[in-house]
């Protein structure tokens, strides 16, 4: 009798342990671990008592009187659901900004049915334990606020974004299916000591030269995105600029000016991150900035669109009959209707674009269509408008 009872209890305990193990596995599968940012790269600074560059702690550098706090770069993707089962996706990043700025947390947001991707910045006040941001629509809607954001628990498995949309609050968590990213960045900063020229009234007392690159390596969390991590692999397609990225270090140095060119500041910056993802399309945003003197620097935004299932880059010729004269006329008339008749007679098609479920947006660089003050014009075409020119058997069949 006792032996039978002991045997029964052993079997019961064994079954209980199996159920407990399965339960733990299920909970682990439901929760996606956050990819922690790579530790701040080692900072190399030549020691010199008279140097214009020096450290005040391990990650803080004083450069010609300005303080730069070095931070770890990151890219995180979130997704969730709003009113009426509207899907929302948010992509945030941390990288240096142009004009010798510091690290800046910013992001892109897309809500089902919209014809644009919204940009925003994230800031943290001294006594708050979260970052705040506000998403506003473009100027055509008079800057109407779309939603307000609060980012909590950055760098932890409890990280989430509170989104206030239509006066309701929603918690948006890191995506369980979208790719994650291992990030690297590199700062090369030289401060030219031109104090002798400054004494003679020939320039500043020092001039900066800074180069910055942010690189994200795509890590697949879902088998549907494996082609991106294997065939695309990196957000930047410039193999030269990302060479030996796993050995990148931040370099700060001061040198004596030996040429007149050293009296002129220079800067280059290149960053990339995702801005839209679904089961069909993966869109990457690239931002390039360059300053070589003069009134202002030059900047350029471009986009790469990839087919999720293959990792193949999509060209506009794969989607639209761009050689068709009716399409050429339609495209030119649309541009002129939005930007006036002061444009040149022959309007070239924009050489960069991005795909959304609602249509295609074409983007021009400064000076390509309008003057520098006009920025980067973007023109959205719905699929209804493009229908006569969409080629057969393309990825756009999923949206039409």
Protein backbone atom coordinates (compact mmCIF):
# COMPACT_ATOMS: atom_id res chain seq x y z
CA UNK A 1 0.00 0.00 0.00
CA UNK A 2 2.76 2.43 1.00
CA UNK A 3 4.92 1.43 -1.94
CA UNK A 4 2.01 2.06 -4.33
CA UNK A 5 1.48 5.50 -2.78
CA UNK A 6 5.18 6.37 -3.15
CA UNK A 7 5.14 5.21 -6.77
CA UNK A 8 2.07 7.35 -7.49
CA UNK A 9 3.65 10.42 -5.86
CA UNK A 10 6.83 9.99 -7.92
CA UNK A 11 4.81 9.87 -11.14
CA UNK A 12 2.76 12.88 -10.05
CA UNK A 13 5.89 14.85 -9.17
CA UNK A 14 7.48 13.95 -12.52
CA UNK A 15 4.42 15.16 -14.46
CA UNK A 16 4.35 18.34 -12.36
CA UNK A 17 8.00 19.06 -13.15
CA UNK A 18 7.37 18.59 -16.89
CA UNK A 19 4.39 20.98 -16.79
CA UNK A 20 6.46 23.53 -14.87
CA UNK A 21 9.28 23.26 -17.41
CA UNK A 22 6.88 23.75 -20.34
CA UNK A 23 5.31 26.74 -18.60
CA UNK A 24 8.73 28.38 -18.07
CA UNK A 25 9.68 27.75 -21.69
CA UNK A 26 6.43 29.33 -22.88
CA UNK A 27 7.02 32.45 -20.78
CA UNK A 28 10.57 32.77 -22.05
CA UNK A 29 9.36 32.52 -25.65
CA UNK A 30 6.79 35.26 -25.06
CA UNK A 31 9.37 37.69 -23.70
CA UNK A 32 11.98 39.14 -26.00
CA UNK A 33 15.26 40.03 -24.38
CA UNK A 34 16.54 43.51 -25.15
CA UNK A 35 19.85 43.67 -27.00
CA UNK A 36 22.07 45.71 -24.72
CA UNK A 37 24.12 48.42 -26.43
CA UNK A 38 27.79 47.73 -27.02
CA UNK A 39 29.92 49.35 -24.31
CA UNK A 40 31.31 52.76 -25.18
CA UNK A 41 34.31 52.39 -27.47
CA UNK A 42 37.71 53.01 -25.96
CA UNK A 43 38.68 56.67 -26.23
CA UNK A 44 42.21 57.29 -27.43
CA UNK A 45 43.65 60.69 -26.45
CA UNK A 46 47.28 61.76 -26.56
CA UNK A 47 48.37 63.11 -23.19
CA UNK A 48 49.65 66.65 -23.43
CA UNK A 49 49.50 69.28 -20.71
CA UNK A 50 48.90 71.96 -23.33
CA UNK A 51 46.39 69.94 -25.35
CA UNK A 52 43.09 71.38 -26.51
CA UNK A 53 41.50 67.95 -25.90
CA UNK A 54 41.42 66.07 -22.61
CA UNK A 55 39.25 63.67 -20.60
CA UNK A 56 37.49 64.64 -17.38
CA UNK A 57 36.21 61.06 -16.84
CA UNK A 58 36.21 57.80 -18.76
CA UNK A 59 33.40 58.80 -21.16
CA UNK A 60 33.53 62.60 -21.13
CA UNK A 61 35.87 64.62 -23.32
CA UNK A 62 36.54 68.36 -23.35
CA UNK A 63 37.27 69.58 -26.88
CA UNK A 64 38.40 73.17 -27.19
CA UNK A 65 36.21 74.14 -24.25
CA UNK A 66 33.14 72.16 -25.35
CA UNK A 67 32.13 69.02 -23.43
CA UNK A 68 31.15 65.84 -25.29
CA UNK A 69 29.57 62.96 -23.36
CA UNK A 70 30.28 59.69 -25.17
CA UNK A 71 27.31 57.30 -25.21
CA UNK A 72 26.69 53.80 -26.56
CA UNK A 73 24.80 53.74 -29.88
CA UNK A 74 21.61 51.69 -30.23
CA UNK A 75 18.66 50.90 -32.50
CA UNK A 76 15.42 49.44 -31.09
CA UNK A 77 12.18 48.51 -32.88
CA UNK A 78 8.76 48.42 -31.17
CA UNK A 79 5.33 47.34 -32.41
CA UNK A 80 1.82 47.20 -31.02
CA UNK A 81 -1.87 47.89 -31.63
CA UNK A 82 -3.97 51.06 -31.21
CA UNK A 83 -7.66 51.86 -31.75
CA UNK A 84 -9.64 49.61 -34.10
CA UNK A 85 -6.70 47.18 -34.32
CA UNK A 86 -4.52 49.77 -36.03
CA UNK A 87 -0.93 48.59 -35.96
CA UNK A 88 1.85 50.95 -34.89
CA UNK A 89 5.60 50.57 -35.23
CA UNK A 90 8.29 52.75 -33.68
CA UNK A 91 12.03 52.67 -34.37
CA UNK A 92 14.42 54.62 -32.10
CA UNK A 93 18.16 55.20 -32.28
CA UNK A 94 21.00 56.95 -30.48
CA UNK A 95 23.77 58.62 -32.51
CA UNK A 96 25.76 61.83 -32.86
CA UNK A 97 24.15 64.75 -34.66
CA UNK A 98 25.69 67.04 -37.24
CA UNK A 99 27.37 70.41 -36.61
CA UNK A 100 29.58 68.89 -33.90
CA UNK A 101 26.54 68.06 -31.79
CA UNK A 102 26.30 65.42 -29.08
CA UNK A 103 24.35 62.17 -28.93
CA UNK A 104 20.67 62.50 -29.73
CA UNK A 105 17.88 59.96 -29.26
CA UNK A 106 15.36 60.14 -32.07
CA UNK A 107 12.93 57.92 -33.90
CA UNK A 108 10.45 57.19 -36.67
CA UNK A 109 6.82 56.10 -36.23
CA UNK A 110 4.25 54.63 -38.60
CA UNK A 111 0.54 53.96 -38.01
CA UNK A 112 -1.58 51.78 -40.32
CA UNK A 113 -3.28 53.75 -43.09
CA UNK A 114 -0.98 56.79 -42.97
CA UNK A 115 0.78 58.09 -46.07
CA UNK A 116 3.86 59.27 -44.20
CA UNK A 117 6.40 58.23 -41.60
CA UNK A 118 6.61 60.57 -38.61
CA UNK A 119 9.89 61.69 -37.04
CA UNK A 120 10.47 62.76 -33.44
CA UNK A 121 13.14 63.38 -30.81
CA UNK A 122 13.37 62.01 -27.26
CA UNK A 123 14.57 64.07 -24.28
CA UNK A 124 14.92 63.32 -20.59
CA UNK A 125 14.49 65.97 -17.94
CA UNK A 126 16.76 65.90 -14.91
CA UNK A 127 14.23 64.65 -12.34
CA UNK A 128 12.28 62.29 -14.61
CA UNK A 129 12.90 58.57 -15.08
CA UNK A 130 11.63 58.49 -18.68
CA UNK A 131 12.21 60.17 -22.05
CA UNK A 132 9.47 62.19 -23.73
CA UNK A 133 8.71 62.86 -27.37
CA UNK A 134 5.94 64.38 -29.47
CA UNK A 135 4.94 63.24 -32.94
CA UNK A 136 3.47 65.88 -35.23
CA UNK A 137 2.18 65.62 -38.77
CA UNK A 138 3.70 67.62 -41.62
CA UNK A 139 3.12 71.28 -42.37
CA UNK A 140 0.16 70.51 -44.64
CA UNK A 141 -1.78 69.57 -41.51
CA UNK A 142 -0.57 72.68 -39.66
CA UNK A 143 1.70 70.67 -37.39
CA UNK A 144 -1.18 68.76 -35.79
CA UNK A 145 -0.02 66.52 -32.92
CA UNK A 146 -0.48 62.84 -33.79
CA UNK A 147 0.60 61.31 -30.48
CA UNK A 148 2.78 61.82 -27.42
CA UNK A 149 5.42 59.32 -26.32
CA UNK A 150 7.16 58.33 -23.10
CA UNK A 151 10.06 55.86 -23.16
CA UNK A 152 10.55 53.92 -19.91
CA UNK A 153 13.25 51.53 -18.64
CA UNK A 154 15.73 52.05 -21.47
CA UNK A 155 18.24 49.17 -21.90
CA UNK A 156 16.22 46.75 -19.74
CA UNK A 157 13.87 43.83 -20.46
CA UNK A 158 11.08 46.00 -18.98
CA UNK A 159 11.54 48.71 -21.64
CA UNK A 160 8.36 50.04 -23.26
CA UNK A 161 6.92 53.17 -24.87
CA UNK A 162 3.70 54.72 -23.61
CA UNK A 163 1.86 56.18 -26.58
CA UNK A 164 -0.96 58.70 -26.05
CA UNK A 165 -3.14 58.43 -29.17
CA UNK A 166 -6.70 59.79 -29.49
CA UNK A 167 -6.61 60.59 -25.76
CA UNK A 168 -5.94 56.94 -24.87
CA UNK A 169 -2.72 55.46 -23.49
CA UNK A 170 -1.16 52.35 -25.02
CA UNK A 171 1.94 50.42 -24.02
CA UNK A 172 4.12 49.56 -27.00
CA UNK A 173 6.81 46.94 -26.36
CA UNK A 174 9.99 45.92 -28.24
CA UNK A 175 8.92 43.83 -31.22
CA UNK A 176 9.15 40.05 -30.83
CA UNK A 177 9.39 39.51 -34.61
CA UNK A 178 11.20 42.53 -36.09
CA UNK A 179 15.00 42.28 -36.31
CA UNK A 180 17.25 43.50 -33.49
CA UNK A 181 20.52 45.35 -34.03
CA UNK A 182 24.06 45.19 -32.78
CA UNK A 183 25.40 48.71 -33.14
CA UNK A 184 28.86 50.17 -33.64
CA UNK A 185 29.99 53.77 -34.06
CA UNK A 186 33.25 55.58 -34.64
CA UNK A 187 34.35 59.16 -33.92
CA UNK A 188 37.52 60.53 -35.48
CA UNK A 189 38.07 64.03 -34.10
CA UNK A 190 41.06 66.28 -34.78
CA UNK A 191 41.39 69.77 -33.39
CA UNK A 192 43.90 71.87 -35.31
CA UNK A 193 45.78 74.28 -33.08
CA UNK A 194 45.74 77.56 -35.00
CA UNK A 195 46.49 79.85 -32.08
CA UNK A 196 49.48 81.39 -33.86
CA UNK A 197 47.29 82.30 -36.84
CA UNK A 198 44.66 83.61 -34.44
CA UNK A 199 47.17 85.98 -32.84
CA UNK A 200 47.87 87.40 -36.29
CA UNK A 201 44.17 87.90 -36.98
CA UNK A 202 44.18 85.19 -39.66
CA UNK A 203 41.65 82.77 -38.19
CA UNK A 204 40.27 81.07 -35.11
CA UNK A 205 42.39 79.84 -32.23
CA UNK A 206 41.51 76.28 -33.20
CA UNK A 207 39.47 74.52 -35.91
CA UNK A 208 37.72 71.16 -35.61
CA UNK A 209 37.62 68.23 -38.02
CA UNK A 210 35.18 65.43 -37.13
CA UNK A 211 34.09 62.23 -38.92
CA UNK A 212 31.31 60.01 -37.55
CA UNK A 213 29.76 56.71 -38.69
CA UNK A 214 26.96 54.63 -37.13
CA UNK A 215 26.59 51.00 -38.20
CA UNK A 216 23.83 48.53 -37.32
CA UNK A 217 24.20 44.77 -37.80
CA UNK A 218 20.84 43.05 -38.45
CA UNK A 219 20.01 40.19 -36.04
CA UNK A 220 17.04 38.01 -36.98
CA UNK A 221 14.43 37.18 -34.28
CA UNK A 222 12.00 35.49 -36.66
CA UNK A 223 12.56 33.02 -39.50
CA UNK A 224 10.62 35.31 -41.84
CA UNK A 225 13.40 37.90 -41.51
CA UNK A 226 16.37 35.56 -41.83
CA UNK A 227 17.04 36.64 -45.43
CA UNK A 228 17.68 40.18 -44.19
CA UNK A 229 20.22 39.12 -41.58
CA UNK A 230 22.02 36.80 -44.01
CA UNK A 231 21.77 38.64 -47.36
CA UNK A 232 21.66 42.29 -46.26
CA UNK A 233 23.40 41.85 -42.88
CA UNK A 234 24.33 45.52 -42.31
CA UNK A 235 22.19 48.65 -42.56
CA UNK A 236 25.01 50.37 -44.49
CA UNK A 237 25.87 49.02 -47.94
CA UNK A 238 29.19 50.90 -48.05
CA UNK A 239 31.70 48.10 -47.49
CA UNK A 240 34.64 50.52 -47.28
CA UNK A 241 33.22 52.67 -44.45
CA UNK A 242 32.33 49.66 -42.29
CA UNK A 243 35.61 47.82 -42.70
CA UNK A 244 36.92 46.37 -39.41
CA UNK A 245 33.91 47.80 -37.57
CA UNK A 246 34.33 45.31 -34.72
CA UNK A 247 37.66 47.01 -33.91
CA UNK A 248 36.44 50.60 -34.09
CA UNK A 249 37.70 53.03 -31.45
CA UNK A 250 36.99 56.70 -30.89
CA UNK A 251 40.04 58.82 -31.71
CA UNK A 252 40.59 62.36 -30.45
CA UNK A 253 43.74 64.28 -31.26
CA UNK A 254 45.07 67.84 -31.43
CA UNK A 255 47.63 68.90 -34.01
CA UNK A 256 49.48 72.04 -34.92
CA UNK A 257 48.13 73.69 -38.05
CA UNK A 258 50.66 73.60 -40.87
CA UNK A 259 48.53 74.65 -43.86
CA UNK A 260 46.04 77.41 -44.54
CA UNK A 261 43.36 74.74 -45.05
CA UNK A 262 43.70 73.81 -41.39
CA UNK A 263 41.99 77.08 -40.51
CA UNK A 264 38.71 75.78 -41.94
CA UNK A 265 36.41 73.42 -40.03
CA UNK A 266 35.28 70.18 -41.66
CA UNK A 267 32.84 67.43 -40.75
CA UNK A 268 31.31 64.27 -42.19
CA UNK A 269 28.54 62.15 -40.69
CA UNK A 270 26.77 59.01 -41.91
CA UNK A 271 23.99 57.15 -40.05
CA UNK A 272 21.43 54.48 -41.01
CA UNK A 273 18.46 52.86 -39.31
CA UNK A 274 15.14 51.14 -40.22
CA UNK A 275 12.00 53.24 -40.57
CA UNK A 276 9.37 50.74 -41.79
CA UNK A 277 8.97 46.96 -41.60
CA UNK A 278 6.18 44.56 -42.49
CA UNK A 279 6.03 41.00 -43.86
CA UNK A 280 6.81 42.27 -47.38
CA UNK A 281 9.02 45.37 -47.20
CA UNK A 282 11.98 46.49 -45.11
CA UNK A 283 12.90 50.19 -45.50
CA UNK A 284 16.24 51.63 -44.37
CA UNK A 285 16.90 55.36 -43.95
CA UNK A 286 20.38 56.76 -44.65
CA UNK A 287 21.45 60.28 -43.65
CA UNK A 288 24.68 61.84 -44.87
CA UNK A 289 26.07 65.25 -43.86
CA UNK A 290 29.25 66.97 -45.03
CA UNK A 291 30.76 70.35 -44.22
CA UNK A 292 33.89 71.69 -45.90
CA UNK A 293 33.56 75.37 -45.06
CA UNK A 294 31.18 78.05 -46.27
CA UNK A 295 27.79 79.19 -45.03
CA UNK A 296 26.40 75.72 -44.36
CA UNK A 297 27.02 72.04 -44.84
CA UNK A 298 25.39 69.76 -47.39
CA UNK A 299 23.09 66.92 -46.40
CA UNK A 300 21.27 64.12 -48.15
CA UNK A 301 18.68 61.51 -47.21
CA UNK A 302 18.31 58.29 -49.18
CA UNK A 303 16.33 55.08 -48.74
CA UNK A 304 16.87 51.42 -49.48
CA UNK A 305 13.86 49.14 -49.89
CA UNK A 306 14.35 45.40 -49.46
CA UNK A 307 12.10 42.43 -50.12
CA UNK A 308 11.78 40.65 -46.77
CA UNK A 309 11.52 37.12 -48.19
CA UNK A 310 14.75 37.36 -50.22
CA UNK A 311 16.71 40.35 -48.94
CA UNK A 312 16.78 41.63 -52.52
CA UNK A 313 17.03 45.40 -53.00
CA UNK A 314 14.03 46.83 -54.83
CA UNK A 315 14.53 49.39 -57.62
CA UNK A 316 11.72 51.60 -58.87
CA UNK A 317 11.99 49.94 -62.31
CA UNK A 318 10.94 46.68 -60.64
CA UNK A 319 7.62 48.28 -59.68
CA UNK A 320 6.57 50.93 -62.19
CA UNK A 321 6.68 51.40 -65.95
CA UNK A 322 8.86 54.49 -65.64
CA UNK A 323 9.63 54.57 -69.40
CA UNK A 324 5.98 55.03 -70.28
CA UNK A 325 5.44 58.56 -71.61
CA UNK A 326 2.04 58.81 -69.92
CA UNK A 327 3.71 58.06 -66.60
CA UNK A 328 6.47 60.61 -67.28
CA UNK A 329 3.87 63.30 -68.05
CA UNK A 330 1.78 62.34 -65.02
CA UNK A 331 4.82 62.48 -62.72
CA UNK A 332 6.05 65.84 -64.05
CA UNK A 333 2.59 67.44 -63.82
CA UNK A 334 2.21 66.24 -60.25
CA UNK A 335 5.56 67.75 -59.24
CA UNK A 336 4.74 71.06 -60.92
CA UNK A 337 1.31 71.19 -59.27
CA UNK A 338 2.94 70.97 -55.83
CA UNK A 339 6.06 73.10 -56.38
CA UNK A 340 4.98 75.66 -58.95
CA UNK A 341 5.78 76.46 -62.53
CA UNK A 342 9.16 77.98 -61.67
CA UNK A 343 10.76 74.57 -62.06
CA UNK A 344 12.76 73.57 -65.11
CA UNK A 345 10.88 72.24 -68.13
CA UNK A 346 12.43 68.82 -67.76
CA UNK A 347 11.90 67.27 -64.33
CA UNK A 348 13.98 64.22 -63.56
CA UNK A 349 12.47 61.50 -61.43
CA UNK A 350 13.81 61.42 -57.87
CA UNK A 351 16.51 58.78 -57.50
CA UNK A 352 15.41 57.66 -54.03
CA UNK A 353 12.05 56.52 -52.68
CA UNK A 354 10.41 54.43 -49.99
CA UNK A 355 7.45 52.05 -50.06
CA UNK A 356 4.50 52.06 -47.65
CA UNK A 357 1.30 49.96 -47.65
CA UNK A 358 -0.56 53.07 -48.86
CA UNK A 359 1.77 54.25 -51.65
CA UNK A 360 5.26 55.33 -52.69
CA UNK A 361 7.09 58.49 -51.57
CA UNK A 362 9.75 60.01 -53.84
CA UNK A 363 12.44 62.18 -52.22
CA UNK A 364 14.70 64.88 -53.67
CA UNK A 365 17.96 66.17 -52.24
CA UNK A 366 18.48 69.91 -51.61
CA UNK A 367 19.05 71.75 -54.91
CA UNK A 368 17.74 68.83 -57.03
CA UNK A 369 14.26 70.31 -57.32
CA UNK A 370 14.19 73.56 -55.32
CA UNK A 371 16.76 75.76 -53.55
CA UNK A 372 18.56 74.84 -50.33
CA UNK A 373 15.96 76.64 -48.19
CA UNK A 374 13.32 74.30 -49.60
CA UNK A 375 14.94 71.32 -47.91
CA UNK A 376 14.29 67.83 -49.23
CA UNK A 377 10.92 67.75 -51.02
CA UNK A 378 8.96 64.50 -50.63
CA UNK A 379 6.03 63.66 -52.90
CA UNK A 380 3.61 60.86 -52.03
CA UNK A 381 1.75 58.89 -54.72
CA UNK A 382 -1.06 56.57 -53.67
CA UNK A 383 -1.43 53.17 -55.32
CA UNK A 384 -4.75 54.33 -56.73
CA UNK A 385 -2.92 57.09 -58.63
CA UNK A 386 -0.14 54.75 -59.72
CA UNK A 387 -2.42 51.88 -60.71
CA UNK A 388 -2.14 52.41 -64.52
CA UNK A 389 1.66 52.24 -64.31
CA UNK A 390 2.22 49.42 -61.79
CA UNK A 391 3.88 46.39 -63.36
CA UNK A 392 2.34 42.94 -63.03
CA UNK A 393 3.53 40.36 -60.51
CA UNK A 394 5.43 42.71 -58.20
CA UNK A 395 5.59 42.99 -54.45
CA UNK A 396 3.03 45.81 -54.71
CA UNK A 397 0.38 43.14 -55.38
CA UNK A 398 0.31 42.71 -51.60
CA UNK A 399 -0.98 46.29 -51.19
CA UNK A 400 -3.41 46.58 -54.11
